[in-house]
Structure formats: structure tokens, C-alpha cells
């Protein structure tokens, strides 16, 4: 059976990965929302670009939330 500290380290690592990835995706989504980053294709409409940037912001915030929940899990359970 695996030791609790080994599992705790893996959960902590996963929490950091989710947290960092969520922050990066959220910042990139805000850059798209503010039109600092332009679309590569000229066939993308402004409404589609805005919708995708809001999706990216939401996805990033969910990743940050999952990372935070993993940190809470480590504090409470192990």
C-alpha cells in the first residue's frame, strides 16, 4: 500500500499543475477578450472570438478551482 506522503506529493503536484495552467489560460483569455491577441484566421467573426475568449476564461478559472480544491484535500485528509 502506498504511503500517505507519496500520495500527498502527487496530489500537491497535480494541484500546482492545475493552478498554473488555469492562470495561464485565464490570462490568455483576457488578452483575447481585450483584443490584444488577434485571431490567426480572417474567417473568425468578432462574436465567435469573444465567445471563445469567455470560454477560455471560464475553463481557466475552473482549473484554478480544481487546483485549489486539491490543496484543500491535502490539508484536510492527509
Protein backbone atom coordinates (compact mmCIF):
# COMPACT_ATOMS: atom_id res chain seq x y z
CA UNK A 1 0.00 0.00 0.00
CA UNK A 2 1.26 3.46 -0.88
CA UNK A 3 2.42 5.77 1.85
CA UNK A 4 0.27 8.86 2.56
CA UNK A 5 3.18 11.22 1.94
CA UNK A 6 3.75 9.77 -1.53
CA UNK A 7 0.11 10.28 -2.44
CA UNK A 8 0.15 13.73 -0.85
CA UNK A 9 3.08 14.75 -3.03
CA UNK A 10 1.31 13.57 -6.18
CA UNK A 11 -1.88 15.40 -5.26
CA UNK A 12 0.11 18.54 -4.45
CA UNK A 13 1.89 18.31 -7.82
CA UNK A 14 -1.43 17.89 -9.62
CA UNK A 15 -2.80 20.88 -7.73
CA UNK A 16 0.11 23.05 -8.86
CA UNK A 17 -0.25 21.89 -12.46
CA UNK A 18 -3.96 22.74 -12.46
CA UNK A 19 -3.32 26.07 -10.75
CA UNK A 20 -0.54 27.22 -13.10
CA UNK A 21 -2.35 26.03 -16.22
CA UNK A 22 -5.55 27.74 -15.10
CA UNK A 23 -3.78 31.05 -14.50
CA UNK A 24 -2.08 30.90 -17.93
CA UNK A 25 -5.31 30.08 -19.77
CA UNK A 26 -7.26 32.76 -17.88
CA UNK A 27 -4.70 35.45 -18.66
CA UNK A 28 -4.63 34.42 -22.33
CA UNK A 29 -8.43 34.50 -22.42
CA UNK A 30 -8.44 38.04 -21.01
CA UNK A 31 -5.87 39.08 -23.63
CA UNK A 32 -8.18 37.72 -26.32
CA UNK A 33 -11.19 39.42 -24.75
CA UNK A 34 -9.42 42.80 -24.79
CA UNK A 35 -8.34 42.24 -28.43
CA UNK A 36 -4.65 42.37 -27.55
CA UNK A 37 -4.27 38.97 -29.22
CA UNK A 38 -5.79 38.87 -32.70
CA UNK A 39 -7.17 35.74 -34.43
CA UNK A 40 -4.86 33.97 -36.88
CA UNK A 41 -7.63 33.43 -39.41
CA UNK A 42 -9.58 36.14 -41.12
CA UNK A 43 -12.68 33.92 -41.19
CA UNK A 44 -13.30 34.16 -37.44
CA UNK A 45 -16.03 36.64 -36.58
CA UNK A 46 -15.76 39.01 -33.64
CA UNK A 47 -18.67 37.28 -31.89
CA UNK A 48 -17.01 33.85 -32.21
CA UNK A 49 -13.72 35.29 -30.99
CA UNK A 50 -15.45 36.85 -27.98
CA UNK A 51 -17.34 33.64 -27.21
CA UNK A 52 -14.17 31.57 -27.31
CA UNK A 53 -12.30 34.01 -25.09
CA UNK A 54 -15.10 33.82 -22.49
CA UNK A 55 -14.91 30.01 -22.72
CA UNK A 56 -11.15 30.16 -22.13
CA UNK A 57 -11.58 32.41 -19.11
CA UNK A 58 -14.18 30.03 -17.68
CA UNK A 59 -12.03 26.98 -18.35
CA UNK A 60 -9.03 28.64 -16.73
CA UNK A 61 -10.99 29.59 -13.63
CA UNK A 62 -12.29 26.02 -13.32
CA UNK A 63 -8.71 24.73 -13.50
CA UNK A 64 -7.68 27.18 -10.76
CA UNK A 65 -10.64 25.97 -8.68
CA UNK A 66 -9.68 22.32 -9.13
CA UNK A 67 -6.12 23.12 -8.07
CA UNK A 68 -7.43 24.93 -5.00
CA UNK A 69 -9.69 22.00 -4.12
CA UNK A 70 -6.74 19.63 -4.39
CA UNK A 71 -4.79 21.84 -1.96
CA UNK A 72 -7.74 21.78 0.44
CA UNK A 73 -7.95 17.99 0.09
CA UNK A 74 -4.31 17.68 1.12
CA UNK A 75 -4.84 19.87 4.19
CA UNK A 76 -7.97 18.05 5.37
CA UNK A 77 -7.35 14.40 4.50
CA UNK A 78 -3.61 13.79 4.83
